[in-house]
Amino acid sequence: MKKIKSSLEIALERVGALQTDRKELEKLDEEKYLKAAASLGSSLLEGKTNKEQIEESMGRYPQEIRQKAFHVLANRLVEGVNLANTTEVLETITFLTDDMEIKNICKKTLTSFREHLDRLKKKEADLQEKHSPILKEKLVNEGFRGSALAGFNISGTKPWREALNRFNNDYQETMMAFKKQITRELSPPR
């Protein structure tokens, strides 16, 4: 024979089911915001949004989800960082966080990146200055005159390729160190 449930037992079962449903809804709601944060990261990497728009969007997220959403966004940015967007990615992460450790990692990486770029630009200017007279003389000897002698492209020269390789190696080292440090800092919050 079946046991007849009391009103209290039935009510407790319904409350338990409601609590389970509420937790599932909260989890689904959180997932929605985390997907949106990843999408914002992708949009920044594609040049479709900027750090101010991201801040505005994430400012509308529920307070209890913002930190996790920032971590998802920052991880997406770190995954997509490249030579063309390094400055924007580092400045965006710095702009969106109050975490001083993350800010310091980004600042240190940005400083290093800019130093590498400055060295490359200086090398380019030095090579341009060094190779221009030599190339100009060769062209004059071959009969070229006037605007044909204006400016030279050093991109095919061995010293320039070596300088680019050195820059790329320095950049890769800097980014590997950055990714290692920032990934440790962005480990999922508990």
N, C-alpha and C. Protein backbone atom coordinates (compact mmCIF):
# COMPACT_ATOMS: atom_id res chain seq x y z
N MET A 1 0.82 -1.17 0.00
CA MET A 1 0.00 0.00 0.00
C MET A 1 0.88 1.25 0.00
N LYS A 2 0.42 2.26 -0.72
CA LYS A 2 1.14 3.50 -0.86
C LYS A 2 0.98 4.35 0.39
N LYS A 3 2.10 5.00 0.73
CA LYS A 3 2.06 5.88 1.88
C LYS A 3 1.45 7.21 1.44
N ILE A 4 0.60 7.73 2.21
CA ILE A 4 -0.04 9.02 1.93
C ILE A 4 0.86 10.10 2.53
N LYS A 5 1.17 11.10 1.68
CA LYS A 5 2.06 12.18 2.12
C LYS A 5 1.25 13.25 2.81
N SER A 6 1.90 13.80 3.82
CA SER A 6 1.25 14.90 4.52
C SER A 6 1.42 16.19 3.70
N SER A 7 0.65 17.17 4.04
CA SER A 7 0.73 18.47 3.37
C SER A 7 2.12 19.06 3.54
N LEU A 8 2.70 18.87 4.68
CA LEU A 8 4.04 19.39 4.96
C LEU A 8 5.06 18.73 4.05
N GLU A 9 4.98 17.43 3.88
CA GLU A 9 5.91 16.71 3.01
C GLU A 9 5.78 17.18 1.56
N ILE A 10 4.57 17.36 1.12
CA ILE A 10 4.33 17.83 -0.25
C ILE A 10 4.88 19.24 -0.43
N ALA A 11 4.65 20.10 0.54
CA ALA A 11 5.14 21.48 0.48
C ALA A 11 6.67 21.51 0.47
N LEU A 12 7.29 20.68 1.29
CA LEU A 12 8.76 20.63 1.34
C LEU A 12 9.34 20.14 0.02
N GLU A 13 8.68 19.16 -0.60
CA GLU A 13 9.14 18.67 -1.91
C GLU A 13 9.06 19.77 -2.96
N ARG A 14 7.98 20.53 -2.93
CA ARG A 14 7.82 21.61 -3.91
C ARG A 14 8.84 22.72 -3.70
N VAL A 15 9.11 23.05 -2.44
CA VAL A 15 10.12 24.06 -2.13
C VAL A 15 11.49 23.58 -2.61
N GLY A 16 11.79 22.31 -2.38
CA GLY A 16 13.06 21.74 -2.85
C GLY A 16 13.17 21.80 -4.35
N ALA A 17 12.10 21.49 -5.05
CA ALA A 17 12.09 21.56 -6.52
C ALA A 17 12.28 23.00 -6.99
N LEU A 18 11.64 23.94 -6.29
CA LEU A 18 11.77 25.35 -6.65
C LEU A 18 13.21 25.84 -6.45
N GLN A 19 13.82 25.41 -5.35
CA GLN A 19 15.20 25.81 -5.09
C GLN A 19 16.14 25.25 -6.16
N THR A 20 15.90 24.00 -6.56
CA THR A 20 16.70 23.39 -7.61
C THR A 20 16.51 24.15 -8.92
N ASP A 21 15.26 24.48 -9.25
CA ASP A 21 14.98 25.25 -10.46
C ASP A 21 15.65 26.62 -10.41
N ARG A 22 15.62 27.26 -9.26
CA ARG A 22 16.23 28.58 -9.10
C ARG A 22 17.74 28.49 -9.31
N LYS A 23 18.37 27.47 -8.76
CA LYS A 23 19.82 27.31 -8.94
C LYS A 23 20.16 27.08 -10.40
N GLU A 24 19.35 26.28 -11.07
CA GLU A 24 19.59 26.04 -12.50
C GLU A 24 19.41 27.32 -13.31
N LEU A 25 18.40 28.10 -12.95
CA LEU A 25 18.19 29.37 -13.65
C LEU A 25 19.34 30.34 -13.41
N GLU A 26 19.82 30.39 -12.19
CA GLU A 26 20.96 31.25 -11.87
C GLU A 26 22.20 30.82 -12.65
N LYS A 27 22.40 29.51 -12.75
CA LYS A 27 23.54 28.98 -13.49
C LYS A 27 23.41 29.34 -14.98
N LEU A 28 22.23 29.18 -15.54
CA LEU A 28 22.01 29.54 -16.94
C LEU A 28 22.21 31.04 -17.16
N ASP A 29 21.74 31.84 -16.22
CA ASP A 29 21.90 33.28 -16.31
C ASP A 29 23.39 33.66 -16.26
N GLU A 30 24.14 33.03 -15.38
CA GLU A 30 25.58 33.28 -15.28
C GLU A 30 26.28 32.90 -16.58
N GLU A 31 25.93 31.75 -17.13
CA GLU A 31 26.53 31.30 -18.38
C GLU A 31 26.27 32.30 -19.50
N LYS A 32 25.08 32.87 -19.50
CA LYS A 32 24.72 33.87 -20.52
C LYS A 32 25.67 35.07 -20.43
N TYR A 33 25.92 35.55 -19.22
CA TYR A 33 26.81 36.70 -19.05
C TYR A 33 28.25 36.34 -19.39
N LEU A 34 28.68 35.14 -19.05
CA LEU A 34 30.06 34.74 -19.35
C LEU A 34 30.27 34.59 -20.86
N LYS A 35 29.27 34.07 -21.56
CA LYS A 35 29.36 34.00 -23.03
C LYS A 35 29.41 35.40 -23.62
N ALA A 36 28.62 36.29 -23.07
CA ALA A 36 28.61 37.68 -23.55
C ALA A 36 29.98 38.33 -23.32
N ALA A 37 30.62 38.04 -22.19
CA ALA A 37 31.95 38.59 -21.90
C ALA A 37 32.97 38.08 -22.91
N ALA A 38 32.91 36.79 -23.23
CA ALA A 38 33.81 36.22 -24.24
C ALA A 38 33.56 36.87 -25.60
N SER A 39 32.31 37.11 -25.90
CA SER A 39 31.95 37.76 -27.16
C SER A 39 32.47 39.20 -27.20
N LEU A 40 32.42 39.90 -26.08
CA LEU A 40 32.98 41.25 -26.02
C LEU A 40 34.48 41.22 -26.29
N GLY A 41 35.15 40.21 -25.74
CA GLY A 41 36.59 40.07 -26.00
C GLY A 41 36.86 39.86 -27.48
N SER A 42 36.09 39.00 -28.10
CA SER A 42 36.25 38.75 -29.53
C SER A 42 35.98 40.02 -30.34
N SER A 43 34.97 40.77 -29.93
CA SER A 43 34.63 42.02 -30.63
C SER A 43 35.78 43.02 -30.55
N LEU A 44 36.43 43.09 -29.40
CA LEU A 44 37.56 44.01 -29.27
C LEU A 44 38.69 43.55 -30.20
N LEU A 45 38.97 42.26 -30.21
CA LEU A 45 40.03 41.73 -31.05
C LEU A 45 39.75 41.96 -32.54
N GLU A 46 38.49 41.99 -32.89
CA GLU A 46 38.10 42.23 -34.30
C GLU A 46 37.96 43.71 -34.61
N GLY A 47 38.15 44.56 -33.62
CA GLY A 47 38.06 45.99 -33.83
C GLY A 47 36.64 46.53 -33.89
N LYS A 48 35.68 45.77 -33.38
CA LYS A 48 34.28 46.18 -33.44
C LYS A 48 33.82 46.93 -32.20
N THR A 49 34.63 46.95 -31.16
CA THR A 49 34.27 47.65 -29.93
C THR A 49 35.54 48.20 -29.30
N ASN A 50 35.37 48.95 -28.22
CA ASN A 50 36.54 49.49 -27.52
C ASN A 50 36.37 49.28 -26.01
N LYS A 51 37.40 49.63 -25.28
CA LYS A 51 37.40 49.36 -23.84
C LYS A 51 36.29 50.10 -23.10
N GLU A 52 35.94 51.31 -23.55
CA GLU A 52 34.88 52.06 -22.88
C GLU A 52 33.52 51.38 -23.08
N GLN A 53 33.27 50.89 -24.27
CA GLN A 53 32.01 50.20 -24.55
C GLN A 53 31.94 48.88 -23.76
N ILE A 54 33.07 48.21 -23.64
CA ILE A 54 33.10 46.98 -22.85
C ILE A 54 32.80 47.28 -21.39
N GLU A 55 33.42 48.35 -20.88
CA GLU A 55 33.17 48.73 -19.48
C GLU A 55 31.70 49.04 -19.27
N GLU A 56 31.11 49.75 -20.21
CA GLU A 56 29.68 50.10 -20.10
C GLU A 56 28.82 48.83 -20.11
N SER A 57 29.09 47.93 -21.02
CA SER A 57 28.31 46.68 -21.10
C SER A 57 28.45 45.85 -19.83
N MET A 58 29.69 45.68 -19.39
CA MET A 58 29.91 44.85 -18.20
C MET A 58 29.40 45.52 -16.94
N GLY A 59 29.28 46.83 -16.96
CA GLY A 59 28.73 47.55 -15.82
C GLY A 59 27.26 47.22 -15.58
N ARG A 60 26.60 46.70 -16.60
CA ARG A 60 25.20 46.30 -16.46
C ARG A 60 25.04 44.86 -15.98
N TYR A 61 26.16 44.14 -15.88
CA TYR A 61 26.10 42.76 -15.38
C TYR A 61 25.79 42.78 -13.89
N PRO A 62 25.14 41.73 -13.39
CA PRO A 62 24.94 41.64 -11.94
C PRO A 62 26.31 41.65 -11.23
N GLN A 63 26.37 42.32 -10.12
CA GLN A 63 27.62 42.49 -9.38
C GLN A 63 28.33 41.17 -9.10
N GLU A 64 27.57 40.15 -8.74
CA GLU A 64 28.18 38.86 -8.36
C GLU A 64 28.80 38.12 -9.55
N ILE A 65 28.55 38.57 -10.76
CA ILE A 65 29.06 37.89 -11.96
C ILE A 65 30.21 38.67 -12.59
N ARG A 66 30.37 39.91 -12.24
CA ARG A 66 31.34 40.78 -12.93
C ARG A 66 32.77 40.27 -12.90
N GLN A 67 33.22 39.78 -11.75
CA GLN A 67 34.60 39.32 -11.66
C GLN A 67 34.84 38.11 -12.56
N LYS A 68 33.93 37.15 -12.53
CA LYS A 68 34.07 35.99 -13.41
C LYS A 68 34.01 36.42 -14.87
N ALA A 69 33.13 37.35 -15.17
CA ALA A 69 33.00 37.84 -16.54
C ALA A 69 34.29 38.54 -16.99
N PHE A 70 34.89 39.33 -16.11
CA PHE A 70 36.15 39.97 -16.44
C PHE A 70 37.22 38.92 -16.74
N HIS A 71 37.27 37.88 -15.95
CA HIS A 71 38.27 36.83 -16.15
C HIS A 71 38.06 36.14 -17.50
N VAL A 72 36.82 35.88 -17.85
CA VAL A 72 36.51 35.26 -19.15
C VAL A 72 36.94 36.21 -20.27
N LEU A 73 36.59 37.48 -20.16
CA LEU A 73 36.96 38.48 -21.16
C LEU A 73 38.48 38.58 -21.29
N ALA A 74 39.17 38.71 -20.16
CA ALA A 74 40.62 38.87 -20.18
C ALA A 74 41.30 37.63 -20.76
N ASN A 75 40.81 36.45 -20.41
CA ASN A 75 41.39 35.23 -20.99
C ASN A 75 41.20 35.20 -22.50
N ARG A 76 40.05 35.65 -22.97
CA ARG A 76 39.80 35.69 -24.42
C ARG A 76 40.77 36.67 -25.09
N LEU A 77 41.00 37.81 -24.45
CA LEU A 77 41.94 38.79 -24.99
C LEU A 77 43.37 38.24 -25.02
N VAL A 78 43.75 37.55 -23.96
CA VAL A 78 45.09 36.97 -23.89
C VAL A 78 45.27 35.92 -24.98
N GLU A 79 44.25 35.12 -25.21
CA GLU A 79 44.31 34.10 -26.28
C GLU A 79 44.51 34.76 -27.65
N GLY A 80 43.91 35.92 -27.86
CA GLY A 80 43.92 36.55 -29.18
C GLY A 80 44.95 37.65 -29.36
N VAL A 81 45.82 37.86 -28.38
CA VAL A 81 46.80 38.94 -28.51
C VAL A 81 47.78 38.61 -29.63
N ASN A 82 48.11 39.63 -30.42
CA ASN A 82 49.11 39.48 -31.48
C ASN A 82 49.84 40.80 -31.64
N LEU A 83 50.78 40.82 -32.55
CA LEU A 83 51.61 42.00 -32.75
C LEU A 83 50.78 43.26 -33.04
N ALA A 84 49.73 43.11 -33.81
CA ALA A 84 48.92 44.27 -34.22
C ALA A 84 48.04 44.82 -33.10
N ASN A 85 47.64 43.98 -32.14
CA ASN A 85 46.70 44.46 -31.12
C ASN A 85 47.27 44.44 -29.70
N THR A 86 48.56 44.24 -29.56
CA THR A 86 49.18 44.12 -28.23
C THR A 86 48.86 45.31 -27.34
N THR A 87 49.08 46.50 -27.85
CA THR A 87 48.85 47.70 -27.04
C THR A 87 47.39 47.79 -26.60
N GLU A 88 46.47 47.58 -27.53
CA GLU A 88 45.05 47.69 -27.20
C GLU A 88 44.62 46.63 -26.18
N VAL A 89 45.10 45.41 -26.33
CA VAL A 89 44.74 44.35 -25.39
C VAL A 89 45.25 44.68 -23.99
N LEU A 90 46.51 45.07 -23.89
CA LEU A 90 47.10 45.37 -22.58
C LEU A 90 46.42 46.58 -21.93
N GLU A 91 46.14 47.61 -22.73
CA GLU A 91 45.47 48.79 -22.17
C GLU A 91 44.04 48.48 -21.75
N THR A 92 43.36 47.61 -22.48
CA THR A 92 41.98 47.26 -22.14
C THR A 92 41.93 46.47 -20.83
N ILE A 93 42.80 45.49 -20.70
CA ILE A 93 42.83 44.70 -19.46
C ILE A 93 43.13 45.61 -18.28
N THR A 94 44.11 46.49 -18.45
CA THR A 94 44.47 47.42 -17.37
C THR A 94 43.30 48.35 -17.03
N PHE A 95 42.62 48.83 -18.04
CA PHE A 95 41.49 49.74 -17.87
C PHE A 95 40.34 49.10 -17.11
N LEU A 96 40.11 47.82 -17.34
CA LEU A 96 38.93 47.15 -16.79
C LEU A 96 39.12 46.53 -15.41
N THR A 97 40.33 46.51 -14.91
CA THR A 97 40.55 45.84 -13.62
C THR A 97 41.03 46.81 -12.54
N ASP A 98 40.74 46.43 -11.31
CA ASP A 98 41.28 47.15 -10.16
C ASP A 98 42.40 46.36 -9.52
N ASP A 99 42.65 45.15 -10.01
CA ASP A 99 43.68 44.26 -9.47
C ASP A 99 45.06 44.81 -9.80
N MET A 100 45.79 45.26 -8.79
CA MET A 100 47.09 45.89 -9.01
C MET A 100 48.11 44.92 -9.60
N GLU A 101 48.04 43.67 -9.26
CA GLU A 101 48.98 42.69 -9.82
C GLU A 101 48.79 42.56 -11.32
N ILE A 102 47.54 42.48 -11.75
CA ILE A 102 47.24 42.39 -13.18
C ILE A 102 47.67 43.68 -13.89
N LYS A 103 47.38 44.82 -13.27
CA LYS A 103 47.80 46.11 -13.86
C LYS A 103 49.32 46.16 -14.02
N ASN A 104 50.05 45.70 -13.01
CA ASN A 104 51.52 45.73 -13.07
C ASN A 104 52.06 44.80 -14.15
N ILE A 105 51.47 43.62 -14.29
CA ILE A 105 51.89 42.68 -15.34
C ILE A 105 51.69 43.32 -16.71
N CYS A 106 50.53 43.92 -16.91
CA CYS A 106 50.23 44.56 -18.20
C CYS A 106 51.15 45.75 -18.46
N LYS A 107 51.38 46.56 -17.44
CA LYS A 107 52.25 47.73 -17.59
C LYS A 107 53.67 47.31 -17.94
N LYS A 108 54.18 46.32 -17.24
CA LYS A 108 55.54 45.82 -17.49
C LYS A 108 55.65 45.25 -18.91
N THR A 109 54.65 44.51 -19.34
CA THR A 109 54.65 43.92 -20.68
C THR A 109 54.56 45.01 -21.74
N LEU A 110 53.72 46.00 -21.52
CA LEU A 110 53.57 47.09 -22.48
C LEU A 110 54.88 47.89 -22.60
N THR A 111 55.53 48.14 -21.49
CA THR A 111 56.81 48.84 -21.51
C THR A 111 57.84 48.05 -22.31
N SER A 112 57.91 46.76 -22.06
CA SER A 112 58.84 45.90 -22.78
C SER A 112 58.53 45.89 -24.28
N PHE A 113 57.25 45.78 -24.63
CA PHE A 113 56.83 45.77 -26.02
C PHE A 113 57.25 47.07 -26.72
N ARG A 114 57.01 48.18 -26.06
CA ARG A 114 57.36 49.48 -26.66
C ARG A 114 58.87 49.64 -26.82
N GLU A 115 59.63 49.10 -25.86
CA GLU A 115 61.09 49.14 -25.98
C GLU A 115 61.56 48.33 -27.19
N HIS A 116 60.95 47.16 -27.39
CA HIS A 116 61.29 46.34 -28.57
C HIS A 116 60.97 47.11 -29.86
N LEU A 117 59.80 47.74 -29.91
CA LEU A 117 59.42 48.53 -31.09
C LEU A 117 60.37 49.69 -31.33
N ASP A 118 60.75 50.38 -30.26
CA ASP A 118 61.68 51.51 -30.40
C ASP A 118 63.03 51.05 -30.95
N ARG A 119 63.52 49.91 -30.44
CA ARG A 119 64.78 49.37 -30.96
C ARG A 119 64.66 49.03 -32.44
N LEU A 120 63.53 48.45 -32.83
CA LEU A 120 63.33 48.09 -34.23
C LEU A 120 63.29 49.35 -35.11
N LYS A 121 62.58 50.37 -34.66
CA LYS A 121 62.50 51.63 -35.43
C LYS A 121 63.88 52.28 -35.55
N LYS A 122 64.65 52.24 -34.48
CA LYS A 122 66.01 52.81 -34.51
C LYS A 122 66.87 52.02 -35.49
N LYS A 123 66.75 50.72 -35.45
CA LYS A 123 67.53 49.88 -36.38
C LYS A 123 67.13 50.18 -37.82
N GLU A 124 65.83 50.36 -38.05
CA GLU A 124 65.36 50.69 -39.40
C GLU A 124 65.96 52.01 -39.87
N ALA A 125 65.95 53.01 -39.01
CA ALA A 125 66.52 54.31 -39.37
C ALA A 125 68.01 54.20 -39.63
N ASP A 126 68.72 53.45 -38.78
CA ASP A 126 70.15 53.26 -38.97
C ASP A 126 70.45 52.56 -40.30
N LEU A 127 69.70 51.51 -40.58
CA LEU A 127 69.91 50.77 -41.83
C LEU A 127 69.57 51.64 -43.04
N GLN A 128 68.49 52.41 -42.92
CA GLN A 128 68.10 53.30 -44.01
C GLN A 128 69.22 54.30 -44.28
N GLU A 129 69.77 54.87 -43.22
CA GLU A 129 70.84 55.85 -43.35
C GLU A 129 72.11 55.20 -43.92
N LYS A 130 72.40 54.01 -43.49
CA LYS A 130 73.62 53.31 -43.91
C LYS A 130 73.51 52.83 -45.36
N HIS A 131 72.37 52.26 -45.73
CA HIS A 131 72.23 51.64 -47.05
C HIS A 131 71.82 52.62 -48.15
N SER A 132 71.21 53.72 -47.81
CA SER A 132 70.76 54.67 -48.84
C SER A 132 71.89 55.16 -49.73
N PRO A 133 72.99 55.63 -49.17
CA PRO A 133 74.06 56.12 -50.05
C PRO A 133 74.62 55.02 -50.96
N ILE A 134 74.73 53.82 -50.43
CA ILE A 134 75.27 52.71 -51.22
C ILE A 134 74.33 52.38 -52.37
N LEU A 135 73.03 52.26 -52.06
CA LEU A 135 72.06 51.95 -53.10
C LEU A 135 71.94 53.09 -54.11
N LYS A 136 71.99 54.31 -53.62
CA LYS A 136 71.90 55.47 -54.50
C LYS A 136 73.07 55.49 -55.49
N GLU A 137 74.24 55.21 -54.98
CA GLU A 137 75.43 55.19 -55.85
C GLU A 137 75.30 54.11 -56.92
N LYS A 138 74.80 52.94 -56.53
CA LYS A 138 74.62 51.85 -57.51
C LYS A 138 73.64 52.27 -58.60
N LEU A 139 72.54 52.90 -58.20
CA LEU A 139 71.54 53.32 -59.17
C LEU A 139 72.06 54.43 -60.09
N VAL A 140 72.82 55.36 -59.55
CA VAL A 140 73.41 56.44 -60.37
C VAL A 140 74.36 55.82 -61.40
N ASN A 141 75.16 54.84 -60.95
CA ASN A 141 76.09 54.18 -61.86
C ASN A 141 75.36 53.42 -62.96
N GLU A 142 74.13 52.99 -62.69
CA GLU A 142 73.34 52.27 -63.68
C GLU A 142 72.51 53.22 -64.54
N GLY A 143 72.62 54.52 -64.27
CA GLY A 143 71.96 55.50 -65.12
C GLY A 143 70.64 56.04 -64.60
N PHE A 144 70.26 55.71 -63.38
CA PHE A 144 69.01 56.23 -62.83
C PHE A 144 69.22 57.66 -62.33
N ARG A 145 68.17 58.47 -62.49
CA ARG A 145 68.25 59.87 -62.06
C ARG A 145 66.90 60.30 -61.47
N GLY A 146 66.89 61.47 -60.83
CA GLY A 146 65.66 62.10 -60.37
C GLY A 146 64.92 61.33 -59.29
N SER A 147 63.60 61.22 -59.47
CA SER A 147 62.75 60.61 -58.44
C SER A 147 63.02 59.12 -58.26
N ALA A 148 63.68 58.49 -59.19
CA ALA A 148 64.03 57.07 -59.05
C ALA A 148 65.02 56.88 -57.90
N LEU A 149 65.64 57.94 -57.47
CA LEU A 149 66.63 57.85 -56.40
C LEU A 149 66.06 58.24 -55.03
N ALA A 150 64.78 58.57 -54.96
CA ALA A 150 64.16 59.02 -53.71
C ALA A 150 63.74 57.84 -52.86
N GLY A 151 64.28 57.73 -51.67
CA GLY A 151 63.87 56.71 -50.71
C GLY A 151 64.18 55.30 -51.17
N PHE A 152 64.58 54.47 -50.25
CA PHE A 152 64.93 53.10 -50.57
C PHE A 152 64.23 52.15 -49.62
N ASN A 153 63.87 51.02 -50.14
CA ASN A 153 63.20 50.00 -49.35
C ASN A 153 64.26 49.02 -48.84
N ILE A 154 64.44 49.01 -47.54
CA ILE A 154 65.47 48.14 -46.96
C ILE A 154 64.92 46.77 -46.59
N SER A 155 63.64 46.54 -46.87
CA SER A 155 63.01 45.29 -46.41
C SER A 155 63.65 44.03 -46.97
N GLY A 156 64.34 44.13 -48.08
CA GLY A 156 64.96 42.95 -48.67
C GLY A 156 66.38 42.71 -48.20
N THR A 157 66.90 43.61 -47.40
CA THR A 157 68.30 43.47 -46.99
C THR A 157 68.44 42.47 -45.85
N LYS A 158 69.59 41.81 -45.83
CA LYS A 158 69.87 40.81 -44.79
C LYS A 158 69.86 41.43 -43.38
N PRO A 159 70.49 42.60 -43.17
CA PRO A 159 70.46 43.19 -41.82
C PRO A 159 69.02 43.49 -41.34
N TRP A 160 68.16 43.90 -42.25
CA TRP A 160 66.77 44.19 -41.85
C TRP A 160 66.04 42.91 -41.49
N ARG A 161 66.23 41.86 -42.27
CA ARG A 161 65.58 40.57 -41.95
C ARG A 161 66.08 40.06 -40.59
N GLU A 162 67.37 40.24 -40.33
CA GLU A 162 67.93 39.83 -39.04
C GLU A 162 67.32 40.66 -37.90
N ALA A 163 67.16 41.95 -38.13
CA ALA A 163 66.56 42.82 -37.11
C ALA A 163 65.12 42.41 -36.85
N LEU A 164 64.37 42.09 -37.92
CA LEU A 164 62.98 41.63 -37.75
C LEU A 164 62.92 40.30 -37.00
N ASN A 165 63.82 39.39 -37.32
CA ASN A 165 63.85 38.11 -36.61
C ASN A 165 64.15 38.31 -35.13
N ARG A 166 65.09 39.18 -34.83
CA ARG A 166 65.43 39.47 -33.43
C ARG A 166 64.22 40.09 -32.72
N PHE A 167 63.54 41.03 -33.39
CA PHE A 167 62.35 41.66 -32.82
C PHE A 167 61.27 40.60 -32.57
N ASN A 168 61.02 39.75 -33.55
CA ASN A 168 60.00 38.70 -33.39
C ASN A 168 60.33 37.76 -32.25
N ASN A 169 61.59 37.40 -32.10
CA ASN A 169 61.99 36.53 -30.99
C ASN A 169 61.78 37.22 -29.64
N ASP A 170 62.18 38.50 -29.57
CA ASP A 170 61.98 39.26 -28.33
C ASP A 170 60.49 39.38 -28.02
N TYR A 171 59.69 39.65 -29.04
CA TYR A 171 58.24 39.79 -28.87
C TYR A 171 57.64 38.47 -28.37
N GLN A 172 58.01 37.37 -28.98
CA GLN A 172 57.48 36.07 -28.57
C GLN A 172 57.86 35.75 -27.12
N GLU A 173 59.09 36.05 -26.74
CA GLU A 173 59.52 35.83 -25.34
C GLU A 173 58.69 36.68 -24.39
N THR A 174 58.50 37.94 -24.73
CA THR A 174 57.72 38.86 -23.90
C THR A 174 56.28 38.36 -23.75
N MET A 175 55.68 37.93 -24.85
CA MET A 175 54.30 37.46 -24.82
C MET A 175 54.16 36.14 -24.06
N MET A 176 55.14 35.27 -24.19
CA MET A 176 55.08 34.01 -23.43
C MET A 176 55.13 34.29 -21.93
N ALA A 177 56.02 35.19 -21.52
CA ALA A 177 56.11 35.55 -20.10
C ALA A 177 54.81 36.21 -19.64
N PHE A 178 54.28 37.10 -20.46
CA PHE A 178 53.02 37.78 -20.13
C PHE A 178 51.90 36.76 -19.95
N LYS A 179 51.74 35.87 -20.92
CA LYS A 179 50.65 34.89 -20.87
C LYS A 179 50.77 33.99 -19.66
N LYS A 180 51.99 33.60 -19.33
CA LYS A 180 52.20 32.74 -18.15
C LYS A 180 51.79 33.48 -16.87
N GLN A 181 52.24 34.71 -16.73
CA GLN A 181 51.93 35.49 -15.52
C GLN A 181 50.45 35.82 -15.44
N ILE A 182 49.87 36.28 -16.53
CA ILE A 182 48.48 36.73 -16.49
C ILE A 182 47.53 35.55 -16.33
N THR A 183 47.86 34.42 -16.93
CA THR A 183 47.02 33.24 -16.79
C THR A 183 46.97 32.80 -15.32
N ARG A 184 48.09 32.89 -14.66
CA ARG A 184 48.14 32.54 -13.23
C ARG A 184 47.25 33.49 -12.43
N GLU A 185 47.30 34.77 -12.76
CA GLU A 185 46.47 35.77 -12.06
C GLU A 185 44.99 35.65 -12.40
N LEU A 186 44.71 35.18 -13.60
CA LEU A 186 43.30 35.10 -14.04
C LEU A 186 42.70 33.73 -13.81
N SER A 187 43.35 32.92 -12.99
CA SER A 187 42.73 31.62 -12.70
C SER A 187 41.34 31.86 -12.14
N PRO A 188 40.39 30.99 -12.48
CA PRO A 188 38.99 31.24 -12.12
C PRO A 188 38.80 31.56 -10.65
N PRO A 189 38.06 32.63 -10.37
CA PRO A 189 37.77 32.98 -8.98
C PRO A 189 36.86 31.92 -8.36
N ARG A 190 36.99 31.77 -7.10
CA ARG A 190 36.21 30.76 -6.38
C ARG A 190 34.89 31.34 -5.95
